[in-house]
Amino acid sequence: MQIVSLIAGVAEIICASGFEDCLVSRFYECDYSKNLTGIPACSSPETDVNVSVIEIDKNVKMLFRNPHLFIE
């Protein structure tokens, strides 16, 4: 069985239930337990999350005004 977790809390439940070996990918914020950081992330933030909330808000609004920016 292969599992991809898109919710951090679900990844924790998967690990606590003994299915950590089945986890093949995770949401980028799933980093608990520390073992999860070695599992590839299947997503990433579209904006810099290390800035102020106001700056994040401006960046997200800009992305929605310019949807072509979502395409890599």
C-alpha atoms as a PDB file:
ATOM      1  CA  MET A   1       0.000   0.000   0.000  1.00  0.00           C
ATOM      2  CA  GLN A   2       1.229   3.530  -0.801  1.00  0.00           C
ATOM      3  CA  ILE A   3      -0.121   6.591   1.011  1.00  0.00           C
ATOM      4  CA  VAL A   4       0.155  10.297   0.206  1.00  0.00           C
ATOM      5  CA  SER A   5      -0.826  12.585   3.084  1.00  0.00           C
ATOM      6  CA  LEU A   6      -2.114  16.039   2.188  1.00  0.00           C
ATOM      7  CA  ILE A   7      -2.953  16.956   5.792  1.00  0.00           C
ATOM      8  CA  ALA A   8      -0.303  17.200   8.521  1.00  0.00           C
ATOM      9  CA  GLY A   9      -2.529  15.692  11.213  1.00  0.00           C
ATOM     10  CA  VAL A  10      -3.321  12.704   9.027  1.00  0.00           C
ATOM     11  CA  ALA A  11       0.393  12.049   8.486  1.00  0.00           C
ATOM     12  CA  GLU A  12       0.830  11.926  12.264  1.00  0.00           C
ATOM     13  CA  ILE A  13      -2.052   9.436  12.565  1.00  0.00           C
ATOM     14  CA  ILE A  14      -0.559   7.294   9.788  1.00  0.00           C
ATOM     15  CA  CYS A  15       2.774   7.167  11.627  1.00  0.00           C
ATOM     16  CA  ALA A  16       1.174   6.536  15.021  1.00  0.00           C
ATOM     17  CA  SER A  17      -0.831   3.672  13.486  1.00  0.00           C
ATOM     18  CA  GLY A  18       2.336   1.945  12.308  1.00  0.00           C
ATOM     19  CA  PHE A  19       1.984   2.718   8.595  1.00  0.00           C
ATOM     20  CA  GLU A  20       4.902   5.144   8.275  1.00  0.00           C
ATOM     21  CA  ASP A  21       6.622   2.768   5.834  1.00  0.00           C
ATOM     22  CA  CYS A  22       3.609   3.118   3.493  1.00  0.00           C
ATOM     23  CA  LEU A  23       3.883   6.927   3.365  1.00  0.00           C
ATOM     24  CA  VAL A  24       5.440   7.813  -0.009  1.00  0.00           C
ATOM     25  CA  SER A  25       4.740  11.557  -0.149  1.00  0.00           C
ATOM     26  CA  ARG A  26       3.472  14.325   2.092  1.00  0.00           C
ATOM     27  CA  PHE A  27       2.170  17.885   2.163  1.00  0.00           C
ATOM     28  CA  TYR A  28       5.115  20.273   2.580  1.00  0.00           C
ATOM     29  CA  GLU A  29       3.984  21.245   6.096  1.00  0.00           C
ATOM     30  CA  CYS A  30       3.947  17.621   7.322  1.00  0.00           C
ATOM     31  CA  ASP A  31       7.182  17.524   9.306  1.00  0.00           C
ATOM     32  CA  TYR A  32       6.243  15.726  12.529  1.00  0.00           C
ATOM     33  CA  SER A  33       7.608  13.231  13.377  1.00  0.00           C
ATOM     34  CA  LYS A  34      11.140  14.097  12.314  1.00  0.00           C
ATOM     35  CA  ASN A  35      11.132  10.912  10.210  1.00  0.00           C
ATOM     36  CA  LEU A  36       8.704  12.607   7.818  1.00  0.00           C
ATOM     37  CA  THR A  37      11.235  15.200   6.677  1.00  0.00           C
ATOM     38  CA  GLY A  38      12.975  12.444   4.674  1.00  0.00           C
ATOM     39  CA  ILE A  39       9.789  11.676   2.738  1.00  0.00           C
ATOM     40  CA  PRO A  40       9.409  13.763  -0.450  1.00  0.00           C
ATOM     41  CA  ALA A  41       6.875  16.588  -0.374  1.00  0.00           C
ATOM     42  CA  CYS A  42       4.230  16.551  -3.117  1.00  0.00           C
ATOM     43  CA  SER A  43       3.490  20.253  -2.746  1.00  0.00           C
ATOM     44  CA  SER A  44       5.149  23.533  -1.920  1.00  0.00           C
ATOM     45  CA  PRO A  45       3.960  27.033  -1.118  1.00  0.00           C
ATOM     46  CA  GLU A  46       3.490  29.405  -4.052  1.00  0.00           C
ATOM     47  CA  THR A  47       4.733  32.359  -2.007  1.00  0.00           C
ATOM     48  CA  ASP A  48       7.477  32.979   0.511  1.00  0.00           C
ATOM     49  CA  VAL A  49       6.047  31.945   3.882  1.00  0.00           C
ATOM     50  CA  ASN A  50       8.889  33.583   5.821  1.00  0.00           C
ATOM     51  CA  VAL A  51       7.520  37.108   5.433  1.00  0.00           C
ATOM     52  CA  SER A  52       4.850  39.082   7.255  1.00  0.00           C
ATOM     53  CA  VAL A  53       1.179  38.120   7.060  1.00  0.00           C
ATOM     54  CA  ILE A  54       0.528  41.357   5.161  1.00  0.00           C
ATOM     55  CA  GLU A  55       3.155  40.448   2.556  1.00  0.00           C
ATOM     56  CA  ILE A  56       1.735  36.918   2.210  1.00  0.00           C
ATOM     57  CA  ASP A  57      -1.739  38.409   1.697  1.00  0.00           C
ATOM     58  CA  LYS A  58      -0.429  40.726  -1.047  1.00  0.00           C
ATOM     59  CA  ASN A  59       1.392  37.855  -2.760  1.00  0.00           C
ATOM     60  CA  VAL A  60      -1.647  35.549  -2.686  1.00  0.00           C
ATOM     61  CA  LYS A  61      -3.920  38.282  -4.078  1.00  0.00           C
ATOM     62  CA  MET A  62      -1.410  38.903  -6.865  1.00  0.00           C
ATOM     63  CA  LEU A  63      -1.363  35.184  -7.717  1.00  0.00           C
ATOM     64  CA  PHE A  64      -5.162  35.092  -7.978  1.00  0.00           C
ATOM     65  CA  ARG A  65      -5.153  38.150 -10.235  1.00  0.00           C
ATOM     66  CA  ASN A  66      -2.544  36.443 -12.447  1.00  0.00           C
ATOM     67  CA  PRO A  67      -3.454  32.724 -12.516  1.00  0.00           C
ATOM     68  CA  HIS A  68      -0.829  31.997 -15.161  1.00  0.00           C
ATOM     69  CA  LEU A  69       1.757  32.414 -12.376  1.00  0.00           C
ATOM     70  CA  PHE A  70       0.571  29.092 -10.882  1.00  0.00           C
ATOM     71  CA  ILE A  71       1.902  27.178 -13.887  1.00  0.00           C
ATOM     72  CA  GLU A  72       5.520  26.094 -13.593  1.00  0.00           C
END
